[in-house]
PDB file of N, CA and C in Angstrom:
ATOM      1  N   MET A   1     214.059  10.613  24.718  1.00  0.00           N
ATOM      2  CA  MET A   1     213.097  11.384  23.580  1.00  0.00           C
ATOM      3  C   MET A   1     212.054  10.947  23.909  1.00  0.00           C
ATOM      4  N   LYS A   2     211.590   9.645  23.665  1.00  0.00           N
ATOM      5  CA  LYS A   2     210.251   9.671  24.052  1.00  0.00           C
ATOM      6  C   LYS A   2     209.419   9.756  25.854  1.00  0.00           C
ATOM      7  N   PHE A   3     210.553   9.467  26.405  1.00  0.00           N
ATOM      8  CA  PHE A   3     210.036   8.722  27.803  1.00  0.00           C
ATOM      9  C   PHE A   3     209.448  10.824  27.959  1.00  0.00           C
ATOM     10  N   GLN A   4     210.518  11.569  28.014  1.00  0.00           N
ATOM     11  CA  GLN A   4     210.138  12.769  28.390  1.00  0.00           C
ATOM     12  C   GLN A   4     208.884  13.412  27.479  1.00  0.00           C
ATOM     13  N   ALA A   5     208.560  13.082  26.292  1.00  0.00           N
ATOM     14  CA  ALA A   5     207.091  13.519  25.789  1.00  0.00           C
ATOM     15  C   ALA A   5     205.834  12.925  26.594  1.00  0.00           C
ATOM     16  N   LEU A   6     206.097  11.550  26.829  1.00  0.00           N
ATOM     17  CA  LEU A   6     204.998  10.716  27.396  1.00  0.00           C
ATOM     18  C   LEU A   6     204.939  11.757  28.918  1.00  0.00           C
ATOM     19  N   PHE A   7     206.536  11.767  29.926  1.00  0.00           N
ATOM     20  CA  PHE A   7     206.083  12.602  30.752  1.00  0.00           C
ATOM     21  C   PHE A   7     205.414  13.997  30.959  1.00  0.00           C
ATOM     22  N   PHE A   8     206.289  14.878  29.093  1.00  0.00           N
ATOM     23  CA  PHE A   8     204.930  15.776  29.552  1.00  0.00           C
ATOM     24  C   PHE A   8     203.544  15.726  28.843  1.00  0.00           C
ATOM     25  N   LEU A   9     203.273  15.224  28.565  1.00  0.00           N
ATOM     26  CA  LEU A   9     201.888  14.674  27.930  1.00  0.00           C
ATOM     27  C   LEU A   9     201.458  14.783  29.544  1.00  0.00           C
ATOM     28  N   LEU A  10     201.679  13.675  30.269  1.00  0.00           N
ATOM     29  CA  LEU A  10     201.256  13.022  31.818  1.00  0.00           C
ATOM     30  C   LEU A  10     201.020  14.696  32.738  1.00  0.00           C
ATOM     31  N   ILE A  11     202.174  15.239  32.722  1.00  0.00           N
ATOM     32  CA  ILE A  11     201.753  16.399  33.344  1.00  0.00           C
ATOM     33  C   ILE A  11     200.756  17.451  32.720  1.00  0.00           C
ATOM     34  N   LEU A  12     200.492  17.597  31.838  1.00  0.00           N
ATOM     35  CA  LEU A  12     199.612  18.656  30.858  1.00  0.00           C
ATOM     36  C   LEU A  12     198.085  17.844  30.963  1.00  0.00           C
ATOM     37  N   THR A  13     197.904  16.412  31.261  1.00  0.00           N
ATOM     38  CA  THR A  13     196.626  16.133  31.432  1.00  0.00           C
ATOM     39  C   THR A  13     196.851  16.337  32.990  1.00  0.00           C
ATOM     40  N   CYS A  14     197.201  15.915  34.002  1.00  0.00           N
ATOM     41  CA  CYS A  14     196.796  16.041  35.334  1.00  0.00           C
ATOM     42  C   CYS A  14     196.689  17.366  35.111  1.00  0.00           C
ATOM     43  N   MET A  15     197.451  18.336  35.061  1.00  0.00           N
ATOM     44  CA  MET A  15     196.485  20.011  34.802  1.00  0.00           C
ATOM     45  C   MET A  15     195.766  19.962  34.876  1.00  0.00           C
ATOM     46  N   TYR A  16     195.369  19.486  33.252  1.00  0.00           N
ATOM     47  CA  TYR A  16     194.084  19.794  32.598  1.00  0.00           C
ATOM     48  C   TYR A  16     192.691  19.283  33.046  1.00  0.00           C
ATOM     49  N   LEU A  17     192.377  17.665  34.380  1.00  0.00           N
ATOM     50  CA  LEU A  17     191.870  17.475  34.718  1.00  0.00           C
ATOM     51  C   LEU A  17     192.010  18.573  36.136  1.00  0.00           C
ATOM     52  N   SER A  18     192.529  18.636  36.854  1.00  0.00           N
ATOM     53  CA  SER A  18     192.558  19.692  38.179  1.00  0.00           C
ATOM     54  C   SER A  18     191.584  20.632  37.796  1.00  0.00           C
ATOM     55  N   LEU A  19     191.873  21.380  36.406  1.00  0.00           N
ATOM     56  CA  LEU A  19     191.123  22.435  36.377  1.00  0.00           C
ATOM     57  C   LEU A  19     189.635  22.574  36.027  1.00  0.00           C
ATOM     58  N   ALA A  20     189.703  21.715  35.406  1.00  0.00           N
ATOM     59  CA  ALA A  20     188.270  20.928  35.162  1.00  0.00           C
ATOM     60  C   ALA A  20     187.300  20.643  36.188  1.00  0.00           C
ATOM     61  N   GLN A  21     188.044  19.710  37.294  1.00  0.00           N
ATOM     62  CA  GLN A  21     187.278  19.447  38.183  1.00  0.00           C
ATOM     63  C   GLN A  21     187.188  20.625  39.231  1.00  0.00           C
ATOM     64  N   GLY A  22     187.763  21.896  39.457  1.00  0.00           N
ATOM     65  CA  GLY A  22     187.421  22.623  40.659  1.00  0.00           C
ATOM     66  C   GLY A  22     186.318  24.462  39.519  1.00  0.00           C
ATOM     67  N   SER A  23     186.171  23.713  38.393  1.00  0.00           N
ATOM     68  CA  SER A  23     185.936  24.597  38.038  1.00  0.00           C
ATOM     69  C   SER A  23     184.059  24.687  38.265  1.00  0.00           C
ATOM     70  N   PHE A  24     183.636  23.489  38.565  1.00  0.00           N
ATOM     71  CA  PHE A  24     182.262  22.932  38.705  1.00  0.00           C
ATOM     72  C   PHE A  24     181.729  23.111  40.517  1.00  0.00           C
ATOM     73  N   GLY A  25     182.774  24.106  41.432  1.00  0.00           N
ATOM     74  CA  GLY A  25     182.674  23.028  42.856  1.00  0.00           C
ATOM     75  C   GLY A  25     181.661  23.830  43.317  1.00  0.00           C
ATOM     76  N   ASN A  26     181.895  25.194  42.880  1.00  0.00           N
ATOM     77  CA  ASN A  26     179.869  26.212  43.770  1.00  0.00           C
ATOM     78  C   ASN A  26     178.782  25.756  42.989  1.00  0.00           C
ATOM     79  N   CYS A  27     178.603  25.035  42.539  1.00  0.00           N
ATOM     80  CA  CYS A  27     177.285  24.996  41.509  1.00  0.00           C
ATOM     81  C   CYS A  27     176.157  23.756  41.736  1.00  0.00           C
ATOM     82  N   CYS A  28     175.088  24.485  42.110  1.00  0.00           N
ATOM     83  CA  CYS A  28     174.147  23.419  42.397  1.00  0.00           C
ATOM     84  C   CYS A  28     174.028  22.351  40.971  1.00  0.00           C
ATOM     85  N   LEU A  29     173.347  21.146  41.342  1.00  0.00           N
ATOM     86  CA  LEU A  29     172.864  20.058  40.093  1.00  0.00           C
ATOM     87  C   LEU A  29     171.769  19.698  40.344  1.00  0.00           C
ATOM     88  N   GLY A  30     170.951  20.001  40.695  1.00  0.00           N
ATOM     89  CA  GLY A  30     169.356  19.942  41.321  1.00  0.00           C
ATOM     90  C   GLY A  30     168.484  20.571  42.119  1.00  0.00           C
ATOM     91  N   HIS A  31     167.600  20.726  42.497  1.00  0.00           N
ATOM     92  CA  HIS A  31     166.319  21.165  43.447  1.00  0.00           C
ATOM     93  C   HIS A  31     165.717  20.520  44.665  1.00  0.00           C
ATOM     94  N   VAL A  32     165.280  21.376  45.325  1.00  0.00           N
ATOM     95  CA  VAL A  32     164.426  20.518  46.865  1.00  0.00           C
ATOM     96  C   VAL A  32     163.091  21.192  45.665  1.00  0.00           C
ATOM     97  N   VAL A  33     162.502  20.213  46.692  1.00  0.00           N
ATOM     98  CA  VAL A  33     161.177  19.986  45.603  1.00  0.00           C
ATOM     99  C   VAL A  33     160.016  21.407  46.882  1.00  0.00           C
ATOM    100  N   GLU A  34     160.354  21.161  48.115  1.00  0.00           N
ATOM    101  CA  GLU A  34     160.312  21.809  49.244  1.00  0.00           C
ATOM    102  C   GLU A  34     161.109  22.117  50.766  1.00  0.00           C
ATOM    103  N   MET A  35     160.641  23.128  51.311  1.00  0.00           N
ATOM    104  CA  MET A  35     161.327  22.846  52.326  1.00  0.00           C
ATOM    105  C   MET A  35     160.652  23.076  53.982  1.00  0.00           C
ATOM    106  N   LYS A  36     160.737  22.509  55.003  1.00  0.00           N
ATOM    107  CA  LYS A  36     160.179  22.259  56.134  1.00  0.00           C
ATOM    108  C   LYS A  36     160.051  24.080  57.046  1.00  0.00           C
ATOM    109  N   GLN A  37     159.630  24.152  57.605  1.00  0.00           N
ATOM    110  CA  GLN A  37     158.958  25.413  57.854  1.00  0.00           C
ATOM    111  C   GLN A  37     159.978  25.999  58.924  1.00  0.00           C
ATOM    112  N   LYS A  38     160.776  24.633  59.507  1.00  0.00           N
ATOM    113  CA  LYS A  38     161.998  24.795  60.553  1.00  0.00           C
ATOM    114  C   LYS A  38     163.327  25.562  59.948  1.00  0.00           C
ATOM    115  N   ALA A  39     163.065  24.578  58.729  1.00  0.00           N
ATOM    116  CA  ALA A  39     164.470  24.792  57.989  1.00  0.00           C
ATOM    117  C   ALA A  39     164.520  26.190  57.438  1.00  0.00           C
ATOM    118  N   LYS A  40     163.569  27.659  56.968  1.00  0.00           N
ATOM    119  CA  LYS A  40     163.502  28.182  56.346  1.00  0.00           C
ATOM    120  C   LYS A  40     163.282  29.389  57.322  1.00  0.00           C
ATOM    121  N   ARG A  41     163.509  28.811  58.383  1.00  0.00           N
ATOM    122  CA  ARG A  41     163.769  29.705  60.362  1.00  0.00           C
ATOM    123  C   ARG A  41     165.537  29.807  59.659  1.00  0.00           C
ATOM    124  N   ASN A  42     165.800  29.014  59.366  1.00  0.00           N
ATOM    125  CA  ASN A  42     167.520  28.896  59.665  1.00  0.00           C
ATOM    126  C   ASN A  42     168.173  29.669  58.773  1.00  0.00           C
ATOM    127  N   ILE A  43     167.586  29.800  57.482  1.00  0.00           N
ATOM    128  CA  ILE A  43     168.528  30.019  56.276  1.00  0.00           C
ATOM    129  C   ILE A  43     169.100  31.964  56.682  1.00  0.00           C
ATOM    130  N   GLU A  44     170.103  31.957  56.284  1.00  0.00           N
ATOM    131  CA  GLU A  44     171.125  33.717  56.915  1.00  0.00           C
ATOM    132  C   GLU A  44     170.873  34.130  55.756  1.00  0.00           C
ATOM    133  N   SER A  45     170.968  33.183  54.227  1.00  0.00           N
ATOM    134  CA  SER A  45     170.702  34.566  53.109  1.00  0.00           C
ATOM    135  C   SER A  45     170.545  33.367  52.088  1.00  0.00           C
ATOM    136  N   TYR A  46     170.988  34.314  51.174  1.00  0.00           N
ATOM    137  CA  TYR A  46     170.584  33.239  49.726  1.00  0.00           C
ATOM    138  C   TYR A  46     171.556  34.046  48.387  1.00  0.00           C
ATOM    139  N   ARG A  47     171.548  33.606  47.260  1.00  0.00           N
ATOM    140  CA  ARG A  47     171.870  34.600  46.215  1.00  0.00           C
ATOM    141  C   ARG A  47     171.523  33.654  45.227  1.00  0.00           C
ATOM    142  N   ILE A  48     171.684  34.334  43.997  1.00  0.00           N
ATOM    143  CA  ILE A  48     170.986  33.745  42.732  1.00  0.00           C
ATOM    144  C   ILE A  48     172.311  33.220  42.109  1.00  0.00           C
ATOM    145  N   GLN A  49     171.721  31.620  41.733  1.00  0.00           N
ATOM    146  CA  GLN A  49     172.658  30.920  40.294  1.00  0.00           C
ATOM    147  C   GLN A  49     172.976  30.783  39.007  1.00  0.00           C
ATOM    148  N   GLU A  50     172.699  31.855  38.046  1.00  0.00           N
ATOM    149  CA  GLU A  50     172.609  31.970  36.713  1.00  0.00           C
ATOM    150  C   GLU A  50     173.178  30.807  35.773  1.00  0.00           C
ATOM    151  N   THR A  51     172.791  30.771  35.209  1.00  0.00           N
ATOM    152  CA  THR A  51     173.192  29.396  33.824  1.00  0.00           C
ATOM    153  C   THR A  51     173.922  30.104  33.046  1.00  0.00           C
ATOM    154  N   ASP A  52     174.969  31.363  33.235  1.00  0.00           N
ATOM    155  CA  ASP A  52     176.289  31.326  32.318  1.00  0.00           C
ATOM    156  C   ASP A  52     177.908  31.294  33.450  1.00  0.00           C
ATOM    157  N   GLY A  53     178.326  31.497  32.782  1.00  0.00           N
ATOM    158  CA  GLY A  53     179.790  30.864  32.873  1.00  0.00           C
ATOM    159  C   GLY A  53     180.227  29.265  33.085  1.00  0.00           C
ATOM    160  N   ASP A  54     180.573  28.523  34.550  1.00  0.00           N
ATOM    161  CA  ASP A  54     180.298  27.271  34.555  1.00  0.00           C
ATOM    162  C   ASP A  54     178.648  26.567  35.141  1.00  0.00           C
ATOM    163  N   CYS A  55     178.173  26.940  35.502  1.00  0.00           N
ATOM    164  CA  CYS A  55     177.135  26.365  36.146  1.00  0.00           C
ATOM    165  C   CYS A  55     175.673  26.557  35.031  1.00  0.00           C
ATOM    166  N   ASN A  56     175.171  25.235  34.642  1.00  0.00           N
ATOM    167  CA  ASN A  56     174.568  25.250  33.666  1.00  0.00           C
ATOM    168  C   ASN A  56     172.639  24.853  34.320  1.00  0.00           C
ATOM    169  N   THR A  57     172.903  25.634  35.147  1.00  0.00           N
ATOM    170  CA  THR A  57     171.001  24.965  36.096  1.00  0.00           C
ATOM    171  C   THR A  57     170.796  26.553  36.938  1.00  0.00           C
ATOM    172  N   SER A  58     169.998  27.565  36.790  1.00  0.00           N
ATOM    173  CA  SER A  58     169.607  28.430  37.501  1.00  0.00           C
ATOM    174  C   SER A  58     168.799  27.844  38.481  1.00  0.00           C
ATOM    175  N   ALA A  59     169.366  28.454  39.775  1.00  0.00           N
ATOM    176  CA  ALA A  59     168.990  28.190  41.029  1.00  0.00           C
ATOM    177  C   ALA A  59     168.950  29.241  42.095  1.00  0.00           C
ATOM    178  N   VAL A  60     167.875  29.412  43.085  1.00  0.00           N
ATOM    179  CA  VAL A  60     167.884  30.143  44.239  1.00  0.00           C
ATOM    180  C   VAL A  60     168.879  29.230  45.270  1.00  0.00           C
ATOM    181  N   VAL A  61     170.108  29.846  45.526  1.00  0.00           N
ATOM    182  CA  VAL A  61     170.690  29.204  46.580  1.00  0.00           C
ATOM    183  C   VAL A  61     171.316  29.853  48.096  1.00  0.00           C
ATOM    184  N   PHE A  62     170.459  28.926  48.826  1.00  0.00           N
ATOM    185  CA  PHE A  62     170.281  29.101  50.478  1.00  0.00           C
ATOM    186  C   PHE A  62     170.943  29.059  51.328  1.00  0.00           C
ATOM    187  N   LEU A  63     171.687  29.767  51.779  1.00  0.00           N
ATOM    188  CA  LEU A  63     172.748  29.636  52.654  1.00  0.00           C
ATOM    189  C   LEU A  63     172.396  29.234  54.244  1.00  0.00           C
ATOM    190  N   MET A  64     172.442  28.597  54.590  1.00  0.00           N
ATOM    191  CA  MET A  64     171.996  27.931  56.058  1.00  0.00           C
ATOM    192  C   MET A  64     172.544  28.489  57.071  1.00  0.00           C
ATOM    193  N   LYS A  65     172.148  29.041  58.332  1.00  0.00           N
ATOM    194  CA  LYS A  65     173.212  28.998  59.364  1.00  0.00           C
ATOM    195  C   LYS A  65     174.310  27.964  60.317  1.00  0.00           C
ATOM    196  N   LYS A  66     175.119  29.037  60.213  1.00  0.00           N
ATOM    197  CA  LYS A  66     176.364  27.580  60.637  1.00  0.00           C
ATOM    198  C   LYS A  66     176.169  26.963  61.387  1.00  0.00           C
ATOM    199  N   PRO A  67     175.862  25.608  61.468  1.00  0.00           N
ATOM    200  CA  PRO A  67     176.034  24.845  62.868  1.00  0.00           C
ATOM    201  C   PRO A  67     177.348  24.670  63.488  1.00  0.00           C
ATOM    202  N   SER A  68     177.957  24.722  65.063  1.00  0.00           N
ATOM    203  CA  SER A  68     179.251  24.656  65.645  1.00  0.00           C
ATOM    204  C   SER A  68     180.295  24.104  65.069  1.00  0.00           C
ATOM    205  N   ARG A  69     181.387  24.449  64.660  1.00  0.00           N
ATOM    206  CA  ARG A  69     182.279  23.550  63.974  1.00  0.00           C
ATOM    207  C   ARG A  69     181.728  22.908  63.010  1.00  0.00           C
ATOM    208  N   LYS A  70     181.194  22.957  62.260  1.00  0.00           N
ATOM    209  CA  LYS A  70     180.438  22.612  60.855  1.00  0.00           C
ATOM    210  C   LYS A  70     180.129  23.528  59.458  1.00  0.00           C
ATOM    211  N   LYS A  71     181.352  22.962  58.745  1.00  0.00           N
ATOM    212  CA  LYS A  71     180.631  24.989  57.532  1.00  0.00           C
ATOM    213  C   LYS A  71     179.385  24.530  56.747  1.00  0.00           C
ATOM    214  N   PRO A  72     179.176  25.758  56.603  1.00  0.00           N
ATOM    215  CA  PRO A  72     177.611  25.964  56.277  1.00  0.00           C
ATOM    216  C   PRO A  72     177.251  25.315  55.345  1.00  0.00           C
ATOM    217  N   ARG A  73     176.034  24.686  55.729  1.00  0.00           N
ATOM    218  CA  ARG A  73     175.275  24.374  54.431  1.00  0.00           C
ATOM    219  C   ARG A  73     173.794  25.252  53.452  1.00  0.00           C
ATOM    220  N   THR A  74     174.284  24.042  52.650  1.00  0.00           N
ATOM    221  CA  THR A  74     173.451  25.059  51.359  1.00  0.00           C
ATOM    222  C   THR A  74     172.199  24.281  50.847  1.00  0.00           C
ATOM    223  N   VAL A  75     171.165  25.498  50.374  1.00  0.00           N
ATOM    224  CA  VAL A  75     170.104  24.951  49.880  1.00  0.00           C
ATOM    225  C   VAL A  75     169.779  25.139  48.602  1.00  0.00           C
ATOM    226  N   CYS A  76     169.626  24.477  47.098  1.00  0.00           N
ATOM    227  CA  CYS A  76     169.484  24.624  45.915  1.00  0.00           C
ATOM    228  C   CYS A  76     168.052  24.230  46.307  1.00  0.00           C
ATOM    229  N   ALA A  77     167.247  25.968  45.115  1.00  0.00           N
ATOM    230  CA  ALA A  77     165.449  25.845  44.913  1.00  0.00           C
ATOM    231  C   ALA A  77     165.918  26.089  43.380  1.00  0.00           C
ATOM    232  N   ASN A  78     164.206  25.663  43.000  1.00  0.00           N
ATOM    233  CA  ASN A  78     164.093  26.226  41.504  1.00  0.00           C
ATOM    234  C   ASN A  78     163.513  27.920  42.080  1.00  0.00           C
ATOM    235  N   PRO A  79     163.944  28.592  41.229  1.00  0.00           N
ATOM    236  CA  PRO A  79     163.564  30.106  41.114  1.00  0.00           C
ATOM    237  C   PRO A  79     162.320  30.492  40.854  1.00  0.00           C
ATOM    238  N   ASN A  80     161.621  29.623  39.749  1.00  0.00           N
ATOM    239  CA  ASN A  80     160.706  29.666  39.622  1.00  0.00           C
ATOM    240  C   ASN A  80     159.053  29.053  40.622  1.00  0.00           C
ATOM    241  N   ASP A  81     159.490  28.327  41.414  1.00  0.00           N
ATOM    242  CA  ASP A  81     158.417  27.583  42.572  1.00  0.00           C
ATOM    243  C   ASP A  81     158.115  28.974  43.352  1.00  0.00           C
ATOM    244  N   ARG A  82     156.955  29.540  43.448  1.00  0.00           N
ATOM    245  CA  ARG A  82     156.322  30.417  43.903  1.00  0.00           C
ATOM    246  C   ARG A  82     156.966  30.265  45.611  1.00  0.00           C
ATOM    247  N   TRP A  83     156.835  29.415  46.427  1.00  0.00           N
ATOM    248  CA  TRP A  83     157.470  28.729  47.903  1.00  0.00           C
ATOM    249  C   TRP A  83     158.773  29.551  47.960  1.00  0.00           C
ATOM    250  N   VAL A  84     159.505  29.278  46.781  1.00  0.00           N
ATOM    251  CA  VAL A  84     161.192  29.783  46.510  1.00  0.00           C
ATOM    252  C   VAL A  84     160.747  31.447  46.801  1.00  0.00           C
ATOM    253  N   GLN A  85     159.478  32.382  45.782  1.00  0.00           N
ATOM    254  CA  GLN A  85     160.055  33.820  45.638  1.00  0.00           C
ATOM    255  C   GLN A  85     159.284  34.445  47.220  1.00  0.00           C
ATOM    256  N   GLU A  86     158.506  33.550  47.533  1.00  0.00           N
ATOM    257  CA  GLU A  86     157.674  34.101  48.813  1.00  0.00           C
ATOM    258  C   GLU A  86     159.145  33.785  49.759  1.00  0.00           C
ATOM    259  N   LEU A  87     159.497  33.190  50.035  1.00  0.00           N
ATOM    260  CA  LEU A  87     160.956  33.051  51.161  1.00  0.00           C
ATOM    261  C   LEU A  87     162.162  33.862  50.505  1.00  0.00           C
ATOM    262  N   ILE A  88     161.865  34.381  49.519  1.00  0.00           N
ATOM    263  CA  ILE A  88     163.343  35.558  49.195  1.00  0.00           C
ATOM    264  C   ILE A  88     162.735  36.817  49.599  1.00  0.00           C
ATOM    265  N   GLU A  89     161.540  36.949  49.130  1.00  0.00           N
ATOM    266  CA  GLU A  89     160.804  38.159  49.031  1.00  0.00           C
ATOM    267  C   GLU A  89     160.573  38.314  50.835  1.00  0.00           C
ATOM    268  N   THR A  90     160.274  37.367  51.427  1.00  0.00           N
ATOM    269  CA  THR A  90     160.850  37.142  53.301  1.00  0.00           C
ATOM    270  C   THR A  90     161.720  37.681  53.561  1.00  0.00           C
ATOM    271  N   LEU A  91     163.188  37.040  52.859  1.00  0.00           N
ATOM    272  CA  LEU A  91     164.406  37.529  53.611  1.00  0.00           C
ATOM    273  C   LEU A  91     164.562  38.714  53.422  1.00  0.00           C
ATOM    274  N   ASP A  92     164.181  39.622  51.817  1.00  0.00           N
ATOM    275  CA  ASP A  92     164.970  40.529  51.968  1.00  0.00           C
ATOM    276  C   ASP A  92     164.220  42.284  52.756  1.00  0.00           C
ATOM    277  N   ARG A  93     162.871  41.362  53.380  1.00  0.00           N
ATOM    278  CA  ARG A  93     162.105  41.851  54.121  1.00  0.00           C
ATOM    279  C   ARG A  93     162.941  42.076  55.301  1.00  0.00           C
ATOM    280  N   ARG A  94     163.008  41.192  55.587  1.00  0.00           N
ATOM    281  CA  ARG A  94     164.168  40.084  57.333  1.00  0.00           C
ATOM    282  C   ARG A  94     165.620  41.438  56.897  1.00  0.00           C
ATOM    283  N   MET A  95     166.185  41.204  55.926  1.00  0.00           N
ATOM    284  CA  MET A  95     167.634  41.998  55.803  1.00  0.00           C
ATOM    285  C   MET A  95     167.392  43.545  56.057  1.00  0.00           C
ATOM    286  N   GLN A  96     166.328  44.249  55.440  1.00  0.00           N
ATOM    287  CA  GLN A  96     166.120  45.421  55.187  1.00  0.00           C
ATOM    288  C   GLN A  96     166.084  45.972  56.767  1.00  0.00           C
ATOM    289  N   ASN A  97     165.490  45.108  57.581  1.00  0.00           N
ATOM    290  CA  ASN A  97     165.427  45.557  59.338  1.00  0.00           C
ATOM    291  C   ASN A  97     166.515  45.563  59.715  1.00  0.00           C
TER     292      ASN A  97
END
């Protein structure tokens, strides 16, 4: 009986850790201070990360153009920085055309 209870507790612990680990998989944990002009030209799109839900840092997540045979790279930036706001405006204009 003790073995069954211990085994059940071990299974529950493993399930809890796997669920907790997956919940922060798509959040920014920090910001870049600046971005080179060449990198700015390689931005494909962006999304806004809010501080609700799983993520506790607000950020603008820039999706870079995908290099061959690699997964797309993301860059996180502070949404309050002036260069980030200007870059968002530029991207919005580019997407409208």
